[in-house]
C-alpha atoms as a PDB file:
ATOM      1  CA  VAL A   1      -0.946  21.570  10.348  1.00  0.00           C
ATOM      2  CA  MET A   2      -1.693  23.653   7.296  1.00  0.00           C
ATOM      3  CA  VAL A   3      -5.433  23.255   7.766  1.00  0.00           C
ATOM      4  CA  PHE A   4      -5.800  23.096  11.542  1.00  0.00           C
ATOM      5  CA  GLN A   5      -3.106  25.343  12.777  1.00  0.00           C
ATOM      6  CA  TRP A   6      -2.447  27.689   9.882  1.00  0.00           C
ATOM      7  CA  GLY A   7      -6.126  27.915   8.818  1.00  0.00           C
ATOM      8  CA  TRP A   8      -5.701  27.023   5.134  1.00  0.00           C
ATOM      9  CA  GLY A   9      -9.168  25.875   3.878  1.00  0.00           C
ATOM     10  CA  GLN A  10     -10.580  25.566   7.376  1.00  0.00           C
ATOM     11  CA  SER A  11     -13.911  26.875   6.247  1.00  0.00           C
ATOM     12  CA  LEU A  12     -14.111  23.971   3.733  1.00  0.00           C
ATOM     13  CA  ILE A  13     -14.178  21.437   6.576  1.00  0.00           C
ATOM     14  CA  GLY A  14     -16.398  23.405   8.916  1.00  0.00           C
ATOM     15  CA  LEU A  15     -13.878  24.943  11.240  1.00  0.00           C
ATOM     16  CA  GLU A  16     -14.324  28.504  12.399  1.00  0.00           C
ATOM     17  CA  GLU A  17     -10.984  29.023  14.054  1.00  0.00           C
ATOM     18  CA  THR A  18      -7.578  27.312  14.150  1.00  0.00           C
ATOM     19  CA  VAL A  19      -7.099  24.516  16.682  1.00  0.00           C
ATOM     20  CA  PRO A  20      -3.977  22.794  17.906  1.00  0.00           C
ATOM     21  CA  ILE A  21      -3.110  19.264  16.786  1.00  0.00           C
ATOM     22  CA  VAL A  22      -3.980  16.974  19.698  1.00  0.00           C
ATOM     23  CA  SER A  23      -0.953  14.935  20.821  1.00  0.00           C
ATOM     24  CA  PHE A  24      -2.325  11.467  20.350  1.00  0.00           C
ATOM     25  CA  VAL A  25      -3.674  12.004  16.792  1.00  0.00           C
ATOM     26  CA  PRO A  26      -0.279  11.672  14.962  1.00  0.00           C
ATOM     27  CA  MET A  27       0.501   8.501  16.857  1.00  0.00           C
ATOM     28  CA  PHE A  28      -2.906   7.034  16.272  1.00  0.00           C
ATOM     29  CA  MET A  29      -2.743   7.977  12.577  1.00  0.00           C
ATOM     30  CA  PHE A  30       0.703   6.372  12.246  1.00  0.00           C
ATOM     31  CA  ALA A  31      -0.569   3.026  13.653  1.00  0.00           C
ATOM     32  CA  VAL A  32      -3.552   2.948  11.306  1.00  0.00           C
ATOM     33  CA  LEU A  33      -1.531   4.074   8.266  1.00  0.00           C
ATOM     34  CA  PHE A  34       1.150   1.515   8.959  1.00  0.00           C
ATOM     35  CA  GLY A  35      -1.356  -1.272   8.887  1.00  0.00           C
ATOM     36  CA  LEU A  36      -3.083  -0.114   5.753  1.00  0.00           C
ATOM     37  CA  SER A  37       0.114   0.564   3.862  1.00  0.00           C
ATOM     38  CA  MET A  38       1.442  -2.830   4.782  1.00  0.00           C
ATOM     39  CA  ASP A  39      -1.756  -4.374   3.519  1.00  0.00           C
ATOM     40  CA  TYR A  40      -1.350  -2.649   0.142  1.00  0.00           C
ATOM     41  CA  GLU A  41       2.351  -3.660   0.068  1.00  0.00           C
ATOM     42  CA  VAL A  42       1.470  -7.297   0.680  1.00  0.00           C
ATOM     43  CA  PHE A  43      -0.976  -7.270  -2.214  1.00  0.00           C
ATOM     44  CA  LEU A  44       1.620  -5.719  -4.445  1.00  0.00           C
ATOM     45  CA  LEU A  45       4.720  -7.704  -3.536  1.00  0.00           C
ATOM     46  CA  SER A  46       3.055 -11.085  -3.292  1.00  0.00           C
ATOM     47  CA  ARG A  47       1.968 -10.683  -6.920  1.00  0.00           C
ATOM     48  CA  VAL A  48       5.349  -9.448  -8.045  1.00  0.00           C
ATOM     49  CA  LYS A  49       7.017 -12.426  -6.298  1.00  0.00           C
ATOM     50  CA  GLU A  50       4.597 -14.827  -8.010  1.00  0.00           C
ATOM     51  CA  GLU A  51       5.482 -13.345 -11.382  1.00  0.00           C
ATOM     52  CA  TYR A  52       9.218 -13.478 -10.579  1.00  0.00           C
ATOM     53  CA  LEU A  53       9.008 -17.170  -9.609  1.00  0.00           C
ATOM     54  CA  VAL A  54       7.397 -17.929 -13.026  1.00  0.00           C
ATOM     55  CA  SER A  55       9.529 -15.746 -15.281  1.00  0.00           C
ATOM     56  CA  GLY A  56      12.761 -15.042 -13.367  1.00  0.00           C
ATOM     57  CA  ASP A  57      12.821 -11.564 -14.952  1.00  0.00           C
ATOM     58  CA  ASN A  58      12.619  -8.831 -12.324  1.00  0.00           C
ATOM     59  CA  SER A  59      11.630  -5.986 -14.689  1.00  0.00           C
ATOM     60  CA  GLN A  60       8.782  -7.949 -16.257  1.00  0.00           C
ATOM     61  CA  SER A  61       7.601  -9.215 -12.837  1.00  0.00           C
ATOM     62  CA  VAL A  62       7.395  -5.708 -11.429  1.00  0.00           C
ATOM     63  CA  ILE A  63       5.484  -4.438 -14.482  1.00  0.00           C
ATOM     64  CA  SER A  64       3.097  -7.400 -14.458  1.00  0.00           C
ATOM     65  CA  GLY A  65       2.657  -7.364 -10.735  1.00  0.00           C
ATOM     66  CA  ILE A  66       1.766  -3.691 -10.577  1.00  0.00           C
ATOM     67  CA  SER A  67      -0.532  -3.847 -13.573  1.00  0.00           C
ATOM     68  CA  ASN A  68      -2.407  -6.854 -12.000  1.00  0.00           C
ATOM     69  CA  THR A  69      -2.747  -5.333  -8.545  1.00  0.00           C
ATOM     70  CA  ALA A  70      -3.431  -1.715  -9.512  1.00  0.00           C
ATOM     71  CA  ARG A  71      -7.207  -2.097  -9.600  1.00  0.00           C
ATOM     72  CA  VAL A  72      -7.324  -3.826  -6.212  1.00  0.00           C
ATOM     73  CA  ILE A  73      -5.039  -1.287  -4.483  1.00  0.00           C
ATOM     74  CA  THR A  74      -6.746   1.688  -6.099  1.00  0.00           C
ATOM     75  CA  SER A  75     -10.231   0.403  -5.170  1.00  0.00           C
ATOM     76  CA  ALA A  76      -9.213  -0.267  -1.543  1.00  0.00           C
ATOM     77  CA  ALA A  77      -7.578   3.142  -1.328  1.00  0.00           C
ATOM     78  CA  LEU A  78     -10.675   4.908  -2.755  1.00  0.00           C
ATOM     79  CA  ILE A  79     -12.902   3.111  -0.233  1.00  0.00           C
ATOM     80  CA  MET A  80     -10.671   4.084   2.691  1.00  0.00           C
ATOM     81  CA  ILE A  81     -10.354   7.673   1.438  1.00  0.00           C
ATOM     82  CA  SER A  82     -14.153   7.908   1.192  1.00  0.00           C
ATOM     83  CA  VAL A  83     -14.593   6.527   4.662  1.00  0.00           C
ATOM     84  CA  PHE A  84     -11.920   8.783   6.257  1.00  0.00           C
ATOM     85  CA  LEU A  85     -13.282  11.912   4.414  1.00  0.00           C
ATOM     86  CA  GLY A  86     -16.647  11.023   6.079  1.00  0.00           C
ATOM     87  CA  PHE A  87     -15.018  11.680   9.432  1.00  0.00           C
ATOM     88  CA  VAL A  88     -14.528  15.364   8.364  1.00  0.00           C
ATOM     89  CA  ALA A  89     -18.344  15.908   8.577  1.00  0.00           C
ATOM     90  CA  ASN A  90     -18.227  15.208  12.355  1.00  0.00           C
ATOM     91  CA  PRO A  91     -18.221  18.473  14.337  1.00  0.00           C
ATOM     92  CA  ASP A  92     -15.420  17.234  16.650  1.00  0.00           C
ATOM     93  CA  PRO A  93     -12.043  18.782  15.468  1.00  0.00           C
ATOM     94  CA  ILE A  94     -10.226  15.607  16.550  1.00  0.00           C
ATOM     95  CA  MET A  95     -12.317  13.508  14.227  1.00  0.00           C
ATOM     96  CA  LYS A  96     -11.774  16.102  11.513  1.00  0.00           C
ATOM     97  CA  MET A  97      -7.994  15.862  12.052  1.00  0.00           C
ATOM     98  CA  MET A  98      -8.040  12.026  11.882  1.00  0.00           C
ATOM     99  CA  GLY A  99     -10.258  11.974   8.803  1.00  0.00           C
ATOM    100  CA  LEU A 100      -8.421  14.546   6.748  1.00  0.00           C
ATOM    101  CA  GLY A 101      -5.030  13.240   7.755  1.00  0.00           C
ATOM    102  CA  LEU A 102      -5.798   9.634   7.050  1.00  0.00           C
ATOM    103  CA  ALA A 103      -7.504  10.359   3.710  1.00  0.00           C
ATOM    104  CA  THR A 104      -4.555  12.479   2.589  1.00  0.00           C
ATOM    105  CA  ALA A 105      -1.976   9.897   3.662  1.00  0.00           C
ATOM    106  CA  ILE A 106      -3.839   7.057   2.000  1.00  0.00           C
ATOM    107  CA  PHE A 107      -4.049   9.144  -1.210  1.00  0.00           C
ATOM    108  CA  VAL A 108      -0.277   9.808  -1.166  1.00  0.00           C
ATOM    109  CA  ASP A 109       0.494   6.103  -0.378  1.00  0.00           C
ATOM    110  CA  ALA A 110      -1.714   4.711  -3.102  1.00  0.00           C
ATOM    111  CA  THR A 111      -0.514   7.192  -5.769  1.00  0.00           C
ATOM    112  CA  ILE A 112       3.037   8.331  -5.178  1.00  0.00           C
ATOM    113  CA  VAL A 113       4.351   5.472  -3.177  1.00  0.00           C
ATOM    114  CA  ARG A 114       2.735   2.509  -4.956  1.00  0.00           C
ATOM    115  CA  VAL A 115       2.831   3.976  -8.477  1.00  0.00           C
ATOM    116  CA  VAL A 116       6.238   5.706  -8.491  1.00  0.00           C
ATOM    117  CA  LEU A 117       8.524   4.864  -5.581  1.00  0.00           C
ATOM    118  CA  VAL A 118       7.999   1.082  -5.176  1.00  0.00           C
ATOM    119  CA  PRO A 119       8.344   0.222  -8.876  1.00  0.00           C
ATOM    120  CA  ALA A 120      11.332   2.528  -9.353  1.00  0.00           C
ATOM    121  CA  SER A 121      13.187   1.121  -6.366  1.00  0.00           C
ATOM    122  CA  MET A 122      12.384  -2.489  -7.392  1.00  0.00           C
ATOM    123  CA  LYS A 123      13.594  -1.808 -10.901  1.00  0.00           C
ATOM    124  CA  LEU A 124      16.804  -0.255  -9.569  1.00  0.00           C
ATOM    125  CA  MET A 125      17.434  -3.165  -7.105  1.00  0.00           C
ATOM    126  CA  GLY A 126      16.930  -5.868  -9.706  1.00  0.00           C
ATOM    127  CA  ASP A 127      17.390  -9.417  -8.503  1.00  0.00           C
ATOM    128  CA  ALA A 128      18.494  -8.030  -5.127  1.00  0.00           C
ATOM    129  CA  ASN A 129      14.828  -7.636  -4.301  1.00  0.00           C
ATOM    130  CA  TRP A 130      14.697 -11.323  -3.655  1.00  0.00           C
ATOM    131  CA  TRP A 131      17.985 -11.731  -1.754  1.00  0.00           C
ATOM    132  CA  PHE A 132      17.640 -13.707   1.470  1.00  0.00           C
ATOM    133  CA  PRO A 133      20.538 -13.705   4.057  1.00  0.00           C
ATOM    134  CA  LYS A 134      22.150 -17.167   4.518  1.00  0.00           C
ATOM    135  CA  ARG A 135      22.095 -16.840   8.240  1.00  0.00           C
ATOM    136  CA  LEU A 136      18.227 -16.809   8.074  1.00  0.00           C
ATOM    137  CA  ALA A 137      18.095 -20.013   6.013  1.00  0.00           C
ATOM    138  CA  TRP A 138      16.693 -21.892   8.990  1.00  0.00           C
ATOM    139  CA  LEU A 139      13.428 -19.947   8.753  1.00  0.00           C
ATOM    140  CA  PRO A 140      10.615 -21.950   7.041  1.00  0.00           C
ATOM    141  CA  ARG A 141       9.790 -20.965   3.445  1.00  0.00           C
ATOM    142  CA  LEU A 142       6.010 -20.590   3.362  1.00  0.00           C
ATOM    143  CA  ASP A 143       4.358 -20.957  -0.033  1.00  0.00           C
ATOM    144  CA  ILE A 144       0.617 -20.177   0.444  1.00  0.00           C
ATOM    145  CA  GLU A 145      -0.249 -21.120  -3.146  1.00  0.00           C
ATOM    146  CA  GLY A 146       1.847 -24.325  -3.213  1.00  0.00           C
ATOM    147  CA  GLU A 147       3.387 -23.410  -6.539  1.00  0.00           C
ATOM    148  CA  GLU A 148       6.948 -22.506  -5.530  1.00  0.00           C
ATOM    149  CA  ARG A 149       8.594 -25.695  -6.627  1.00  0.00           C
ATOM    150  CA  LEU A 150       6.723 -26.058  -9.898  1.00  0.00           C
ATOM    151  CA  PRO A 151       8.666 -25.182 -13.111  1.00  0.00           C
ATOM    152  CA  ALA A 152       7.222 -22.303 -15.108  1.00  0.00           C
ATOM    153  CA  ARG A 153       5.810 -24.493 -17.861  1.00  0.00           C
ATOM    154  CA  GLU A 154       3.779 -26.591 -15.308  1.00  0.00           C
ATOM    155  CA  LEU A 155       2.423 -23.345 -13.883  1.00  0.00           C
ATOM    156  CA  ASP A 156       1.364 -22.134 -17.305  1.00  0.00           C
ATOM    157  CA  SER A 157      -0.371 -25.343 -18.164  1.00  0.00           C
ATOM    158  CA  ALA A 158      -2.054 -25.522 -14.737  1.00  0.00           C
ATOM    159  CA  SER A 159      -3.346 -21.951 -15.043  1.00  0.00           C
ATOM    160  CA  GLN A 160      -4.612 -22.502 -18.679  1.00  0.00           C
ATOM    161  CA  SER A 161      -6.486 -25.697 -17.606  1.00  0.00           C
ATOM    162  CA  ALA A 162      -8.061 -23.717 -14.765  1.00  0.00           C
ATOM    163  CA  ASP A 163      -9.443 -21.193 -17.206  1.00  0.00           C
END
């Protein structure tokens, strides 16, 4: 809105006049951003959960999980931001809207949400992060890595022997 309707920095992206936001662009952007943010969240939370299963310490698992996934999430975000900013070079204002909007949203998601909000909320919630309602106990517990039932010492020795 600030760029396309109010005209802030429109010359930087090659617009000569203000244009209205096309009605389908916000819905399209929401769908794409939801998918990308869930992808980043799965990277992050799966690693935090793995650390929690080994240590049982929520604070340490959040710290370790975030530090271990930071490079992957940052790299993926930088790639997507670069791709979406490439859309701004297109002369079509709709493509400019999608490119600038998606790049900005991915930047906010990868920095503010993943670096500040998720760790802070997980720290505040403590062990409640891993609470599972009893009425859903009938759902299968999927363990992709096959390590859920191993005690922590077996996991440590298995990972050291793999190195």
